[in-house]
Amino acid sequence: MSIIKYLTKLYQEHRELALLQWTYLALAATSILVAGIFALFNQSLGVSILIVPLVAFIAISMNIIAWALIKLAAETFLNKPLKTTPKKK
């Protein structure tokens, strides 16, 4: 299965977190490669470009934590049966 078909399948299944993870992974991998190429010519520029994958890592970590907390809260509070009082006639 090609990566495009896999990403399309994730999109159709509404798996937003997995798509977000793949996006951050692609951004981090691309910026590491670009930083390596620039480091061959100018070391300080190559090292400064490495900030992009660091920010991507921090962002994906915070998104995963927020996603887990929201999902936990939704499952905890929304799955409780409602306490209803009988209606008075």
N, C-alpha and C. Protein backbone atom coordinates (compact mmCIF):
# COMPACT_ATOMS: atom_id res chain seq x y z
N MET A 1 0.85 -1.17 0.00
CA MET A 1 0.00 0.00 0.00
C MET A 1 0.90 1.24 0.00
N SER A 2 0.63 2.14 -0.90
CA SER A 2 1.45 3.34 -0.98
C SER A 2 1.06 4.31 0.14
N ILE A 3 1.94 5.25 0.38
CA ILE A 3 1.71 6.21 1.47
C ILE A 3 0.51 7.10 1.16
N ILE A 4 0.30 7.44 -0.12
CA ILE A 4 -0.83 8.28 -0.49
C ILE A 4 -2.15 7.54 -0.22
N LYS A 5 -2.20 6.26 -0.58
CA LYS A 5 -3.41 5.47 -0.33
C LYS A 5 -3.66 5.34 1.17
N TYR A 6 -2.58 5.16 1.93
CA TYR A 6 -2.72 5.03 3.38
C TYR A 6 -3.25 6.32 3.99
N LEU A 7 -2.72 7.47 3.56
CA LEU A 7 -3.19 8.74 4.09
C LEU A 7 -4.63 9.02 3.67
N THR A 8 -4.98 8.62 2.46
CA THR A 8 -6.37 8.76 2.01
C THR A 8 -7.31 7.91 2.85
N LYS A 9 -6.86 6.70 3.18
CA LYS A 9 -7.66 5.81 4.02
C LYS A 9 -7.85 6.42 5.42
N LEU A 10 -6.78 6.99 5.97
CA LEU A 10 -6.89 7.64 7.28
C LEU A 10 -7.87 8.81 7.23
N TYR A 11 -7.83 9.57 6.14
CA TYR A 11 -8.73 10.71 6.00
C TYR A 11 -10.18 10.25 5.90
N GLN A 12 -10.42 9.20 5.15
CA GLN A 12 -11.78 8.70 4.98
C GLN A 12 -12.33 8.09 6.28
N GLU A 13 -11.44 7.56 7.11
CA GLU A 13 -11.86 6.96 8.38
C GLU A 13 -11.94 7.99 9.50
N HIS A 14 -11.69 9.26 9.19
CA HIS A 14 -11.74 10.36 10.16
C HIS A 14 -10.76 10.13 11.31
N ARG A 15 -9.56 9.71 10.99
CA ARG A 15 -8.52 9.51 12.02
C ARG A 15 -7.59 10.71 11.98
N GLU A 16 -8.06 11.82 12.55
CA GLU A 16 -7.36 13.09 12.46
C GLU A 16 -6.02 13.08 13.19
N LEU A 17 -5.98 12.40 14.33
CA LEU A 17 -4.73 12.39 15.09
C LEU A 17 -3.63 11.67 14.33
N ALA A 18 -3.95 10.58 13.67
CA ALA A 18 -2.94 9.87 12.89
C ALA A 18 -2.46 10.72 11.73
N LEU A 19 -3.37 11.44 11.08
CA LEU A 19 -2.96 12.34 9.99
C LEU A 19 -2.06 13.45 10.51
N LEU A 20 -2.40 13.97 11.67
CA LEU A 20 -1.58 15.02 12.28
C LEU A 20 -0.18 14.50 12.60
N GLN A 21 -0.10 13.29 13.12
CA GLN A 21 1.20 12.71 13.43
C GLN A 21 2.03 12.52 12.17
N TRP A 22 1.42 12.04 11.09
CA TRP A 22 2.16 11.87 9.84
C TRP A 22 2.62 13.21 9.27
N THR A 23 1.80 14.24 9.43
CA THR A 23 2.19 15.57 8.95
C THR A 23 3.40 16.09 9.71
N TYR A 24 3.37 15.98 11.02
CA TYR A 24 4.51 16.42 11.81
C TYR A 24 5.76 15.58 11.52
N LEU A 25 5.59 14.30 11.31
CA LEU A 25 6.72 13.44 10.98
C LEU A 25 7.34 13.85 9.65
N ALA A 26 6.50 14.12 8.66
CA ALA A 26 7.00 14.54 7.35
C ALA A 26 7.71 15.89 7.45
N LEU A 27 7.14 16.81 8.23
CA LEU A 27 7.77 18.12 8.42
C LEU A 27 9.12 17.98 9.11
N ALA A 28 9.18 17.16 10.14
CA ALA A 28 10.43 16.97 10.87
C ALA A 28 11.49 16.30 9.99
N ALA A 29 11.11 15.26 9.25
CA ALA A 29 12.08 14.56 8.40
C ALA A 29 12.60 15.47 7.29
N THR A 30 11.70 16.23 6.69
CA THR A 30 12.12 17.14 5.61
C THR A 30 13.05 18.21 6.14
N SER A 31 12.71 18.79 7.28
CA SER A 31 13.56 19.86 7.81
C SER A 31 14.91 19.33 8.30
N ILE A 32 14.97 18.10 8.78
CA ILE A 32 16.26 17.52 9.16
C ILE A 32 17.14 17.32 7.93
N LEU A 33 16.53 16.85 6.84
CA LEU A 33 17.30 16.69 5.60
C LEU A 33 17.78 18.03 5.06
N VAL A 34 16.92 19.03 5.08
CA VAL A 34 17.30 20.37 4.61
C VAL A 34 18.39 20.95 5.51
N ALA A 35 18.27 20.75 6.81
CA ALA A 35 19.29 21.24 7.74
C ALA A 35 20.63 20.56 7.48
N GLY A 36 20.59 19.28 7.18
CA GLY A 36 21.84 18.57 6.87
C GLY A 36 22.50 19.09 5.61
N ILE A 37 21.70 19.39 4.60
CA ILE A 37 22.27 19.92 3.35
C ILE A 37 22.84 21.31 3.59
N PHE A 38 22.11 22.17 4.29
CA PHE A 38 22.62 23.51 4.58
C PHE A 38 23.84 23.47 5.49
N ALA A 39 23.92 22.49 6.38
CA ALA A 39 25.06 22.38 7.29
C ALA A 39 26.35 22.05 6.53
N LEU A 40 26.22 21.43 5.36
CA LEU A 40 27.42 21.18 4.56
C LEU A 40 28.07 22.47 4.10
N PHE A 41 27.26 23.50 3.88
CA PHE A 41 27.78 24.77 3.38
C PHE A 41 27.95 25.81 4.48
N ASN A 42 27.03 25.86 5.42
CA ASN A 42 27.08 26.83 6.49
C ASN A 42 26.56 26.16 7.76
N GLN A 43 27.48 25.85 8.68
CA GLN A 43 27.12 25.06 9.84
C GLN A 43 26.12 25.77 10.75
N SER A 44 26.29 27.05 10.96
CA SER A 44 25.37 27.76 11.87
C SER A 44 23.95 27.82 11.29
N LEU A 45 23.83 27.97 9.98
CA LEU A 45 22.51 27.96 9.36
C LEU A 45 21.86 26.58 9.47
N GLY A 46 22.64 25.53 9.26
CA GLY A 46 22.12 24.17 9.38
C GLY A 46 21.63 23.87 10.78
N VAL A 47 22.38 24.31 11.77
CA VAL A 47 21.98 24.08 13.17
C VAL A 47 20.74 24.90 13.50
N SER A 48 20.64 26.11 12.98
CA SER A 48 19.47 26.93 13.28
C SER A 48 18.21 26.39 12.62
N ILE A 49 18.34 25.71 11.50
CA ILE A 49 17.18 25.09 10.86
C ILE A 49 16.67 23.91 11.68
N LEU A 50 17.51 23.33 12.50
CA LEU A 50 17.09 22.20 13.34
C LEU A 50 16.06 22.60 14.40
N ILE A 51 15.80 23.89 14.53
CA ILE A 51 14.76 24.33 15.45
C ILE A 51 13.39 23.87 14.96
N VAL A 52 13.20 23.78 13.65
CA VAL A 52 11.90 23.39 13.08
C VAL A 52 11.48 21.99 13.54
N PRO A 53 12.34 20.95 13.43
CA PRO A 53 11.88 19.65 13.93
C PRO A 53 11.69 19.62 15.45
N LEU A 54 12.45 20.44 16.17
CA LEU A 54 12.25 20.52 17.62
C LEU A 54 10.86 21.08 17.94
N VAL A 55 10.49 22.13 17.24
CA VAL A 55 9.15 22.71 17.44
C VAL A 55 8.08 21.71 17.01
N ALA A 56 8.31 20.98 15.92
CA ALA A 56 7.35 19.96 15.47
C ALA A 56 7.19 18.87 16.52
N PHE A 57 8.29 18.46 17.13
CA PHE A 57 8.22 17.44 18.19
C PHE A 57 7.44 17.94 19.39
N ILE A 58 7.69 19.17 19.80
CA ILE A 58 6.97 19.74 20.94
C ILE A 58 5.48 19.87 20.61
N ALA A 59 5.18 20.31 19.40
CA ALA A 59 3.78 20.48 19.01
C ALA A 59 3.05 19.15 18.98
N ILE A 60 3.66 18.12 18.40
CA ILE A 60 2.99 16.81 18.34
C ILE A 60 2.82 16.24 19.75
N SER A 61 3.79 16.46 20.61
CA SER A 61 3.66 15.98 21.99
C SER A 61 2.50 16.66 22.70
N MET A 62 2.39 17.97 22.55
CA MET A 62 1.30 18.70 23.19
C MET A 62 -0.05 18.31 22.59
N ASN A 63 -0.10 18.08 21.28
CA ASN A 63 -1.35 17.67 20.65
C ASN A 63 -1.80 16.29 21.13
N ILE A 64 -0.87 15.38 21.28
CA ILE A 64 -1.21 14.04 21.75
C ILE A 64 -1.72 14.09 23.19
N ILE A 65 -1.07 14.89 24.03
CA ILE A 65 -1.50 15.02 25.41
C ILE A 65 -2.89 15.66 25.49
N ALA A 66 -3.09 16.74 24.72
CA ALA A 66 -4.40 17.40 24.73
C ALA A 66 -5.48 16.46 24.18
N TRP A 67 -5.17 15.73 23.12
CA TRP A 67 -6.14 14.80 22.53
C TRP A 67 -6.54 13.72 23.55
N ALA A 68 -5.55 13.20 24.26
CA ALA A 68 -5.83 12.16 25.25
C ALA A 68 -6.67 12.70 26.40
N LEU A 69 -6.37 13.90 26.86
CA LEU A 69 -7.14 14.48 27.95
C LEU A 69 -8.58 14.79 27.54
N ILE A 70 -8.76 15.30 26.34
CA ILE A 70 -10.11 15.60 25.86
C ILE A 70 -10.90 14.31 25.68
N LYS A 71 -10.26 13.29 25.12
CA LYS A 71 -10.94 12.01 24.93
C LYS A 71 -11.30 11.38 26.27
N LEU A 72 -10.40 11.46 27.23
CA LEU A 72 -10.68 10.94 28.56
C LEU A 72 -11.85 11.67 29.21
N ALA A 73 -11.85 13.00 29.11
CA ALA A 73 -12.93 13.78 29.69
C ALA A 73 -14.26 13.47 29.00
N ALA A 74 -14.23 13.34 27.69
CA ALA A 74 -15.47 13.05 26.96
C ALA A 74 -16.01 11.68 27.34
N GLU A 75 -15.14 10.69 27.43
CA GLU A 75 -15.59 9.35 27.78
C GLU A 75 -16.05 9.29 29.23
N THR A 76 -15.44 10.05 30.10
CA THR A 76 -15.79 10.02 31.51
C THR A 76 -17.13 10.71 31.75
N PHE A 77 -17.31 11.89 31.19
CA PHE A 77 -18.50 12.67 31.51
C PHE A 77 -19.68 12.40 30.59
N LEU A 78 -19.44 12.03 29.36
CA LEU A 78 -20.55 11.85 28.42
C LEU A 78 -21.15 10.46 28.46
N ASN A 79 -20.45 9.49 28.96
CA ASN A 79 -20.97 8.13 28.99
C ASN A 79 -21.74 7.79 30.26
N LYS A 80 -21.82 8.73 31.18
CA LYS A 80 -22.58 8.48 32.41
C LYS A 80 -24.06 8.56 32.09
N PRO A 81 -24.84 7.65 32.65
CA PRO A 81 -26.29 7.75 32.42
C PRO A 81 -26.85 8.97 33.13
N LEU A 82 -27.78 9.61 32.48
CA LEU A 82 -28.39 10.80 33.07
C LEU A 82 -29.34 10.41 34.18
N LYS A 83 -29.27 11.15 35.26
CA LYS A 83 -30.20 10.90 36.38
C LYS A 83 -31.45 11.73 36.10
N THR A 84 -32.49 11.05 35.85
CA THR A 84 -33.75 11.75 35.58
C THR A 84 -34.69 11.53 36.72
N THR A 85 -35.43 12.55 37.03
CA THR A 85 -36.44 12.45 38.07
C THR A 85 -37.78 12.21 37.40
N PRO A 86 -38.62 11.42 38.01
CA PRO A 86 -39.92 11.19 37.39
C PRO A 86 -40.73 12.48 37.35
N LYS A 87 -41.45 12.65 36.27
CA LYS A 87 -42.25 13.86 36.10
C LYS A 87 -43.50 13.77 36.98
N LYS A 88 -43.82 14.87 37.59
CA LYS A 88 -45.03 14.96 38.43
C LYS A 88 -46.21 15.29 37.55
N LYS A 89 -47.32 14.63 37.82
CA LYS A 89 -48.54 14.89 37.03
C LYS A 89 -49.49 15.75 37.79
